[in-house]
Amino acid sequence: MDSFSTGSGGSGSPELSTDQLIEQVKAQLAQAYAEEFLEVLREKCFDKCITKPGSSLSGSESSCISRCVDRYIEATGIVAKALFNASQ
C-alpha cells in the first residue's frame, strides 16, 4: 500500500483530504530538497577539502569542511533571499 492511502478493507481508496495531501507533498518535497542540498554540499566540500581520504579527518581537512559548509549555507541563504525578494 502506498503512503497516500490507508485503504480500510483493502479498497485502496484515498482517505486523505486535499489539505492533508498537499501538506504531505510539501513535506516530501522539503525532505527531497534537504537530501539534495546535503548531497551537493557533501560533493563540493569533499572534493575541495579532502585531499587524502582515510579513516579520519586531519585538522586542516576538518577546518576546511567546516568553513565550506558555513559558506555554502550562507551563499544558499543569500540566493534564496534574492529569489524571494525578486518574486515579490
PDB file of N, CA and C in Angstrom:
ATOM      1  N   MET A   1       0.837  -1.172   0.000  1.00  0.00           N
ATOM      2  CA  MET A   1       0.000   0.000   0.000  1.00  0.00           C
ATOM      3  C   MET A   1       0.885   1.240   0.000  1.00  0.00           C
ATOM      4  N   ASP A   2       0.540   2.244  -0.767  1.00  0.00           N
ATOM      5  CA  ASP A   2       1.365   3.448  -0.838  1.00  0.00           C
ATOM      6  C   ASP A   2       1.076   4.376   0.333  1.00  0.00           C
ATOM      7  N   SER A   3       1.877   5.427   0.449  1.00  0.00           N
ATOM      8  CA  SER A   3       1.751   6.348   1.584  1.00  0.00           C
ATOM      9  C   SER A   3       0.594   7.323   1.429  1.00  0.00           C
ATOM     10  N   PHE A   4      -0.110   7.285   0.300  1.00  0.00           N
ATOM     11  CA  PHE A   4      -1.218   8.209   0.074  1.00  0.00           C
ATOM     12  C   PHE A   4      -2.563   7.589   0.387  1.00  0.00           C
ATOM     13  N   SER A   5      -2.604   6.311   0.671  1.00  0.00           N
ATOM     14  CA  SER A   5      -3.872   5.684   1.002  1.00  0.00           C
ATOM     15  C   SER A   5      -3.685   4.722   2.151  1.00  0.00           C
ATOM     16  N   THR A   6      -4.729   4.598   2.918  1.00  0.00           N
ATOM     17  CA  THR A   6      -4.668   3.698   4.051  1.00  0.00           C
ATOM     18  C   THR A   6      -5.791   2.684   3.968  1.00  0.00           C
ATOM     19  N   GLY A   7      -6.301   2.476   2.798  1.00  0.00           N
ATOM     20  CA  GLY A   7      -7.456   1.652   2.477  1.00  0.00           C
ATOM     21  C   GLY A   7      -7.915   0.704   3.552  1.00  0.00           C
ATOM     22  N   SER A   8      -9.099   0.948   4.086  1.00  0.00           N
ATOM     23  CA  SER A   8      -9.670   0.011   5.027  1.00  0.00           C
ATOM     24  C   SER A   8     -10.419  -1.042   4.245  1.00  0.00           C
ATOM     25  N   GLY A   9     -10.265  -2.275   4.644  1.00  0.00           N
ATOM     26  CA  GLY A   9     -10.943  -3.347   3.947  1.00  0.00           C
ATOM     27  C   GLY A   9     -10.338  -3.654   2.602  1.00  0.00           C
ATOM     28  N   GLY A  10      -9.130  -3.156   2.324  1.00  0.00           N
ATOM     29  CA  GLY A  10      -8.450  -3.469   1.080  1.00  0.00           C
ATOM     30  C   GLY A  10      -8.968  -2.729  -0.132  1.00  0.00           C
ATOM     31  N   SER A  11      -9.788  -1.695   0.066  1.00  0.00           N
ATOM     32  CA  SER A  11     -10.342  -0.984  -1.082  1.00  0.00           C
ATOM     33  C   SER A  11      -9.311  -0.113  -1.768  1.00  0.00           C
ATOM     34  N   GLY A  12      -8.289   0.350  -1.018  1.00  0.00           N
ATOM     35  CA  GLY A  12      -7.236   1.171  -1.600  1.00  0.00           C
ATOM     36  C   GLY A  12      -7.673   2.587  -1.896  1.00  0.00           C
ATOM     37  N   SER A  13      -8.839   3.000  -1.425  1.00  0.00           N
ATOM     38  CA  SER A  13      -9.314   4.347  -1.706  1.00  0.00           C
ATOM     39  C   SER A  13      -8.598   5.347  -0.820  1.00  0.00           C
ATOM     40  N   PRO A  14      -8.237   6.512  -1.378  1.00  0.00           N
ATOM     41  CA  PRO A  14      -7.541   7.528  -0.583  1.00  0.00           C
ATOM     42  C   PRO A  14      -8.437   8.032   0.545  1.00  0.00           C
ATOM     43  N   GLU A  15      -7.850   8.203   1.724  1.00  0.00           N
ATOM     44  CA  GLU A  15      -8.606   8.714   2.858  1.00  0.00           C
ATOM     45  C   GLU A  15      -8.078  10.060   3.332  1.00  0.00           C
ATOM     46  N   LEU A  16      -7.176  10.664   2.573  1.00  0.00           N
ATOM     47  CA  LEU A  16      -6.605  11.956   2.939  1.00  0.00           C
ATOM     48  C   LEU A  16      -7.425  13.066   2.299  1.00  0.00           C
ATOM     49  N   SER A  17      -7.627  14.139   3.059  1.00  0.00           N
ATOM     50  CA  SER A  17      -8.284  15.304   2.486  1.00  0.00           C
ATOM     51  C   SER A  17      -7.291  15.992   1.541  1.00  0.00           C
ATOM     52  N   THR A  18      -7.788  16.907   0.760  1.00  0.00           N
ATOM     53  CA  THR A  18      -6.922  17.651  -0.154  1.00  0.00           C
ATOM     54  C   THR A  18      -5.851  18.406   0.614  1.00  0.00           C
ATOM     55  N   ASP A  19      -6.222  19.023   1.719  1.00  0.00           N
ATOM     56  CA  ASP A  19      -5.249  19.761   2.539  1.00  0.00           C
ATOM     57  C   ASP A  19      -4.185  18.833   3.109  1.00  0.00           C
ATOM     58  N   GLN A  20      -4.595  17.649   3.560  1.00  0.00           N
ATOM     59  CA  GLN A  20      -3.633  16.689   4.087  1.00  0.00           C
ATOM     60  C   GLN A  20      -2.686  16.213   2.994  1.00  0.00           C
ATOM     61  N   LEU A  21      -3.223  15.993   1.820  1.00  0.00           N
ATOM     62  CA  LEU A  21      -2.398  15.555   0.694  1.00  0.00           C
ATOM     63  C   LEU A  21      -1.386  16.633   0.319  1.00  0.00           C
ATOM     64  N   ILE A  22      -1.828  17.878   0.291  1.00  0.00           N
ATOM     65  CA  ILE A  22      -0.929  18.996  -0.021  1.00  0.00           C
ATOM     66  C   ILE A  22       0.174  19.082   1.026  1.00  0.00           C
ATOM     67  N   GLU A  23      -0.174  18.953   2.297  1.00  0.00           N
ATOM     68  CA  GLU A  23       0.831  19.006   3.356  1.00  0.00           C
ATOM     69  C   GLU A  23       1.814  17.849   3.250  1.00  0.00           C
ATOM     70  N   GLN A  24       1.314  16.663   2.888  1.00  0.00           N
ATOM     71  CA  GLN A  24       2.194  15.509   2.738  1.00  0.00           C
ATOM     72  C   GLN A  24       3.164  15.717   1.569  1.00  0.00           C
ATOM     73  N   VAL A  25       2.682  16.254   0.464  1.00  0.00           N
ATOM     74  CA  VAL A  25       3.541  16.526  -0.688  1.00  0.00           C
ATOM     75  C   VAL A  25       4.573  17.592  -0.334  1.00  0.00           C
ATOM     76  N   LYS A  26       4.149  18.637   0.383  1.00  0.00           N
ATOM     77  CA  LYS A  26       5.091  19.674   0.821  1.00  0.00           C
ATOM     78  C   LYS A  26       6.196  19.070   1.686  1.00  0.00           C
ATOM     79  N   ALA A  27       5.822  18.194   2.597  1.00  0.00           N
ATOM     80  CA  ALA A  27       6.806  17.563   3.474  1.00  0.00           C
ATOM     81  C   ALA A  27       7.773  16.694   2.666  1.00  0.00           C
ATOM     82  N   GLN A  28       7.255  15.967   1.700  1.00  0.00           N
ATOM     83  CA  GLN A  28       8.111  15.123   0.873  1.00  0.00           C
ATOM     84  C   GLN A  28       9.048  15.966   0.008  1.00  0.00           C
ATOM     85  N   LEU A  29       8.556  17.079  -0.512  1.00  0.00           N
ATOM     86  CA  LEU A  29       9.402  17.977  -1.290  1.00  0.00           C
ATOM     87  C   LEU A  29      10.491  18.595  -0.419  1.00  0.00           C
ATOM     88  N   ALA A  30      10.135  18.984   0.792  1.00  0.00           N
ATOM     89  CA  ALA A  30      11.125  19.550   1.713  1.00  0.00           C
ATOM     90  C   ALA A  30      12.204  18.522   2.032  1.00  0.00           C
ATOM     91  N   GLN A  31      11.791  17.281   2.236  1.00  0.00           N
ATOM     92  CA  GLN A  31      12.762  16.225   2.521  1.00  0.00           C
ATOM     93  C   GLN A  31      13.664  15.983   1.314  1.00  0.00           C
ATOM     94  N   ALA A  32      13.081  15.947   0.125  1.00  0.00           N
ATOM     95  CA  ALA A  32      13.883  15.743  -1.092  1.00  0.00           C
ATOM     96  C   ALA A  32      14.864  16.895  -1.290  1.00  0.00           C
ATOM     97  N   TYR A  33      14.412  18.131  -1.023  1.00  0.00           N
ATOM     98  CA  TYR A  33      15.297  19.287  -1.149  1.00  0.00           C
ATOM     99  C   TYR A  33      16.454  19.188  -0.158  1.00  0.00           C
ATOM    100  N   ALA A  34      16.130  18.816   1.071  1.00  0.00           N
ATOM    101  CA  ALA A  34      17.173  18.699   2.092  1.00  0.00           C
ATOM    102  C   ALA A  34      18.188  17.625   1.713  1.00  0.00           C
ATOM    103  N   GLU A  35      17.711  16.500   1.210  1.00  0.00           N
ATOM    104  CA  GLU A  35      18.619  15.427   0.799  1.00  0.00           C
ATOM    105  C   GLU A  35      19.512  15.874  -0.353  1.00  0.00           C
ATOM    106  N   GLU A  36      18.921  16.565  -1.324  1.00  0.00           N
ATOM    107  CA  GLU A  36      19.715  17.057  -2.459  1.00  0.00           C
ATOM    108  C   GLU A  36      20.728  18.096  -2.000  1.00  0.00           C
ATOM    109  N   PHE A  37      20.318  18.992  -1.110  1.00  0.00           N
ATOM    110  CA  PHE A  37      21.202  20.010  -0.568  1.00  0.00           C
ATOM    111  C   PHE A  37      22.403  19.366   0.112  1.00  0.00           C
ATOM    112  N   LEU A  38      22.142  18.360   0.946  1.00  0.00           N
ATOM    113  CA  LEU A  38      23.233  17.687   1.645  1.00  0.00           C
ATOM    114  C   LEU A  38      24.147  16.934   0.686  1.00  0.00           C
ATOM    115  N   GLU A  39      23.586  16.351  -0.361  1.00  0.00           N
ATOM    116  CA  GLU A  39      24.408  15.630  -1.338  1.00  0.00           C
ATOM    117  C   GLU A  39      25.321  16.595  -2.096  1.00  0.00           C
ATOM    118  N   VAL A  40      24.788  17.712  -2.538  1.00  0.00           N
ATOM    119  CA  VAL A  40      25.597  18.712  -3.249  1.00  0.00           C
ATOM    120  C   VAL A  40      26.667  19.265  -2.309  1.00  0.00           C
ATOM    121  N   LEU A  41      26.266  19.547  -1.081  1.00  0.00           N
ATOM    122  CA  LEU A  41      27.207  20.057  -0.086  1.00  0.00           C
ATOM    123  C   LEU A  41      28.329  19.056   0.148  1.00  0.00           C
ATOM    124  N   ARG A  42      27.966  17.802   0.304  1.00  0.00           N
ATOM    125  CA  ARG A  42      28.965  16.761   0.522  1.00  0.00           C
ATOM    126  C   ARG A  42      29.925  16.669  -0.659  1.00  0.00           C
ATOM    127  N   GLU A  43      29.383  16.669  -1.861  1.00  0.00           N
ATOM    128  CA  GLU A  43      30.238  16.572  -3.046  1.00  0.00           C
ATOM    129  C   GLU A  43      31.194  17.755  -3.142  1.00  0.00           C
ATOM    130  N   LYS A  44      30.671  18.950  -3.016  1.00  0.00           N
ATOM    131  CA  LYS A  44      31.503  20.142  -3.175  1.00  0.00           C
ATOM    132  C   LYS A  44      32.576  20.235  -2.091  1.00  0.00           C
ATOM    133  N   CYS A  45      32.167  20.070  -0.855  1.00  0.00           N
ATOM    134  CA  CYS A  45      33.121  20.223   0.242  1.00  0.00           C
ATOM    135  C   CYS A  45      34.103  19.054   0.299  1.00  0.00           C
ATOM    136  N   PHE A  46      33.649  17.862  -0.008  1.00  0.00           N
ATOM    137  CA  PHE A  46      34.557  16.710  -0.013  1.00  0.00           C
ATOM    138  C   PHE A  46      35.615  16.915  -1.090  1.00  0.00           C
ATOM    139  N   ASP A  47      35.169  17.251  -2.300  1.00  0.00           N
ATOM    140  CA  ASP A  47      36.122  17.445  -3.403  1.00  0.00           C
ATOM    141  C   ASP A  47      37.119  18.554  -3.093  1.00  0.00           C
ATOM    142  N   LYS A  48      36.666  19.595  -2.429  1.00  0.00           N
ATOM    143  CA  LYS A  48      37.543  20.721  -2.142  1.00  0.00           C
ATOM    144  C   LYS A  48      38.490  20.449  -0.975  1.00  0.00           C
ATOM    145  N   CYS A  49      37.993  19.751   0.048  1.00  0.00           N
ATOM    146  CA  CYS A  49      38.726  19.693   1.318  1.00  0.00           C
ATOM    147  C   CYS A  49      39.466  18.387   1.599  1.00  0.00           C
ATOM    148  N   ILE A  50      39.013  17.299   1.053  1.00  0.00           N
ATOM    149  CA  ILE A  50      39.610  16.010   1.398  1.00  0.00           C
ATOM    150  C   ILE A  50      40.604  15.625   0.306  1.00  0.00           C
ATOM    151  N   THR A  51      41.865  15.795   0.618  1.00  0.00           N
ATOM    152  CA  THR A  51      42.907  15.527  -0.376  1.00  0.00           C
ATOM    153  C   THR A  51      43.399  14.086  -0.312  1.00  0.00           C
ATOM    154  N   LYS A  52      43.387  13.513   0.885  1.00  0.00           N
ATOM    155  CA  LYS A  52      43.841  12.132   1.067  1.00  0.00           C
ATOM    156  C   LYS A  52      42.834  11.396   1.940  1.00  0.00           C
ATOM    157  N   PRO A  53      41.787  10.798   1.317  1.00  0.00           N
ATOM    158  CA  PRO A  53      40.776  10.101   2.121  1.00  0.00           C
ATOM    159  C   PRO A  53      41.403   9.026   2.997  1.00  0.00           C
ATOM    160  N   GLY A  54      40.934   8.948   4.216  1.00  0.00           N
ATOM    161  CA  GLY A  54      41.418   7.956   5.172  1.00  0.00           C
ATOM    162  C   GLY A  54      40.347   7.669   6.195  1.00  0.00           C
ATOM    163  N   SER A  55      40.758   7.109   7.308  1.00  0.00           N
ATOM    164  CA  SER A  55      39.784   6.724   8.328  1.00  0.00           C
ATOM    165  C   SER A  55      39.380   7.886   9.234  1.00  0.00           C
ATOM    166  N   SER A  56      40.092   8.994   9.157  1.00  0.00           N
ATOM    167  CA  SER A  56      39.733  10.167   9.955  1.00  0.00           C
ATOM    168  C   SER A  56      40.172  11.429   9.225  1.00  0.00           C
ATOM    169  N   LEU A  57      39.622  12.557   9.658  1.00  0.00           N
ATOM    170  CA  LEU A  57      39.961  13.842   9.058  1.00  0.00           C
ATOM    171  C   LEU A  57      41.148  14.462   9.777  1.00  0.00           C
ATOM    172  N   SER A  58      42.028  15.076   9.018  1.00  0.00           N
ATOM    173  CA  SER A  58      43.102  15.847   9.637  1.00  0.00           C
ATOM    174  C   SER A  58      42.509  17.155  10.157  1.00  0.00           C
ATOM    175  N   GLY A  59      43.275  17.874  10.934  1.00  0.00           N
ATOM    176  CA  GLY A  59      42.808  19.159  11.456  1.00  0.00           C
ATOM    177  C   GLY A  59      42.487  20.146  10.350  1.00  0.00           C
ATOM    178  N   SER A  60      43.345  20.202   9.328  1.00  0.00           N
ATOM    179  CA  SER A  60      43.107  21.150   8.234  1.00  0.00           C
ATOM    180  C   SER A  60      41.891  20.725   7.410  1.00  0.00           C
ATOM    181  N   GLU A  61      41.681  19.426   7.225  1.00  0.00           N
ATOM    182  CA  GLU A  61      40.505  18.954   6.485  1.00  0.00           C
ATOM    183  C   GLU A  61      39.228  19.279   7.266  1.00  0.00           C
ATOM    184  N   SER A  62      39.270  19.080   8.571  1.00  0.00           N
ATOM    185  CA  SER A  62      38.113  19.383   9.410  1.00  0.00           C
ATOM    186  C   SER A  62      37.776  20.871   9.361  1.00  0.00           C
ATOM    187  N   SER A  63      38.785  21.723   9.446  1.00  0.00           N
ATOM    188  CA  SER A  63      38.570  23.172   9.361  1.00  0.00           C
ATOM    189  C   SER A  63      38.016  23.561   8.001  1.00  0.00           C
ATOM    190  N   CYS A  64      38.576  22.965   6.954  1.00  0.00           N
ATOM    191  CA  CYS A  64      38.127  23.255   5.592  1.00  0.00           C
ATOM    192  C   CYS A  64      36.663  22.867   5.410  1.00  0.00           C
ATOM    193  N   ILE A  65      36.298  21.667   5.893  1.00  0.00           N
ATOM    194  CA  ILE A  65      34.912  21.200   5.786  1.00  0.00           C
ATOM    195  C   ILE A  65      33.980  22.173   6.514  1.00  0.00           C
ATOM    196  N   SER A  66      34.359  22.569   7.708  1.00  0.00           N
ATOM    197  CA  SER A  66      33.533  23.487   8.496  1.00  0.00           C
ATOM    198  C   SER A  66      33.324  24.816   7.768  1.00  0.00           C
ATOM    199  N   ARG A  67      34.412  25.382   7.259  1.00  0.00           N
ATOM    200  CA  ARG A  67      34.312  26.657   6.520  1.00  0.00           C
ATOM    201  C   ARG A  67      33.491  26.475   5.242  1.00  0.00           C
ATOM    202  N   CYS A  68      33.708  25.380   4.539  1.00  0.00           N
ATOM    203  CA  CYS A  68      32.988  25.125   3.290  1.00  0.00           C
ATOM    204  C   CYS A  68      31.485  25.033   3.541  1.00  0.00           C
ATOM    205  N   VAL A  69      31.100  24.280   4.553  1.00  0.00           N
ATOM    206  CA  VAL A  69      29.679  24.129   4.886  1.00  0.00           C
ATOM    207  C   VAL A  69      29.091  25.484   5.266  1.00  0.00           C
ATOM    208  N   ASP A  70      29.786  26.228   6.117  1.00  0.00           N
ATOM    209  CA  ASP A  70      29.292  27.551   6.528  1.00  0.00           C
ATOM    210  C   ASP A  70      29.095  28.469   5.324  1.00  0.00           C
ATOM    211  N   ARG A  71      30.058  28.499   4.440  1.00  0.00           N
ATOM    212  CA  ARG A  71      29.963  29.385   3.265  1.00  0.00           C
ATOM    213  C   ARG A  71      28.876  28.929   2.303  1.00  0.00           C
ATOM    214  N   TYR A  72      28.748  27.634   2.117  1.00  0.00           N
ATOM    215  CA  TYR A  72      27.721  27.112   1.202  1.00  0.00           C
ATOM    216  C   TYR A  72      26.332  27.431   1.730  1.00  0.00           C
ATOM    217  N   ILE A  73      26.129  27.251   3.032  1.00  0.00           N
ATOM    218  CA  ILE A  73      24.826  27.567   3.630  1.00  0.00           C
ATOM    219  C   ILE A  73      24.556  29.063   3.531  1.00  0.00           C
ATOM    220  N   GLU A  74      25.571  29.886   3.796  1.00  0.00           N
ATOM    221  CA  GLU A  74      25.411  31.335   3.683  1.00  0.00           C
ATOM    222  C   GLU A  74      25.062  31.740   2.249  1.00  0.00           C
ATOM    223  N   ALA A  75      25.772  31.181   1.287  1.00  0.00           N
ATOM    224  CA  ALA A  75      25.518  31.507  -0.121  1.00  0.00           C
ATOM    225  C   ALA A  75      24.117  31.074  -0.541  1.00  0.00           C
ATOM    226  N   THR A  76      23.696  29.899  -0.095  1.00  0.00           N
ATOM    227  CA  THR A  76      22.357  29.412  -0.425  1.00  0.00           C
ATOM    228  C   THR A  76      21.298  30.337   0.162  1.00  0.00           C
ATOM    229  N   GLY A  77      21.531  30.818   1.387  1.00  0.00           N
ATOM    230  CA  GLY A  77      20.605  31.756   2.009  1.00  0.00           C
ATOM    231  C   GLY A  77      20.516  33.068   1.258  1.00  0.00           C
ATOM    232  N   ILE A  78      21.643  33.561   0.776  1.00  0.00           N
ATOM    233  CA  ILE A  78      21.668  34.805   0.002  1.00  0.00           C
ATOM    234  C   ILE A  78      20.889  34.648  -1.298  1.00  0.00           C
ATOM    235  N   VAL A  79      21.115  33.527  -1.981  1.00  0.00           N
ATOM    236  CA  VAL A  79      20.398  33.264  -3.237  1.00  0.00           C
ATOM    237  C   VAL A  79      18.906  33.132  -2.979  1.00  0.00           C
ATOM    238  N   ALA A  80      18.532  32.384  -1.945  1.00  0.00           N
ATOM    239  CA  ALA A  80      17.127  32.196  -1.632  1.00  0.00           C
ATOM    240  C   ALA A  80      16.461  33.534  -1.305  1.00  0.00           C
ATOM    241  N   LYS A  81      17.154  34.361  -0.534  1.00  0.00           N
ATOM    242  CA  LYS A  81      16.596  35.680  -0.176  1.00  0.00           C
ATOM    243  C   LYS A  81      16.419  36.537  -1.427  1.00  0.00           C
ATOM    244  N   ALA A  82      17.413  36.522  -2.316  1.00  0.00           N
ATOM    245  CA  ALA A  82      17.304  37.298  -3.556  1.00  0.00           C
ATOM    246  C   ALA A  82      16.143  36.811  -4.420  1.00  0.00           C
ATOM    247  N   LEU A  83      15.977  35.501  -4.510  1.00  0.00           N
ATOM    248  CA  LEU A  83      14.862  34.949  -5.294  1.00  0.00           C
ATOM    249  C   LEU A  83      13.532  35.307  -4.668  1.00  0.00           C
ATOM    250  N   PHE A  84      13.451  35.231  -3.347  1.00  0.00           N
ATOM    251  CA  PHE A  84      12.217  35.572  -2.651  1.00  0.00           C
ATOM    252  C   PHE A  84      11.861  37.033  -2.866  1.00  0.00           C
ATOM    253  N   ASN A  85      12.865  37.922  -2.736  1.00  0.00           N
ATOM    254  CA  ASN A  85      12.620  39.355  -2.928  1.00  0.00           C
ATOM    255  C   ASN A  85      12.253  39.674  -4.370  1.00  0.00           C
ATOM    256  N   ALA A  86      12.848  38.962  -5.319  1.00  0.00           N
ATOM    257  CA  ALA A  86      12.562  39.198  -6.732  1.00  0.00           C
ATOM    258  C   ALA A  86      11.150  38.774  -7.096  1.00  0.00           C
ATOM    259  N   SER A  87      10.611  37.793  -6.361  1.00  0.00           N
ATOM    260  CA  SER A  87       9.268  37.294  -6.693  1.00  0.00           C
ATOM    261  C   SER A  87       8.164  38.173  -6.099  1.00  0.00           C
ATOM    262  N   GLN A  88       8.547  39.138  -5.266  1.00  0.00           N
ATOM    263  CA  GLN A  88       7.524  39.999  -4.643  1.00  0.00           C
ATOM    264  C   GLN A  88       7.319  41.265  -5.400  1.00  0.00           C
TER     265      GLN A  88
END
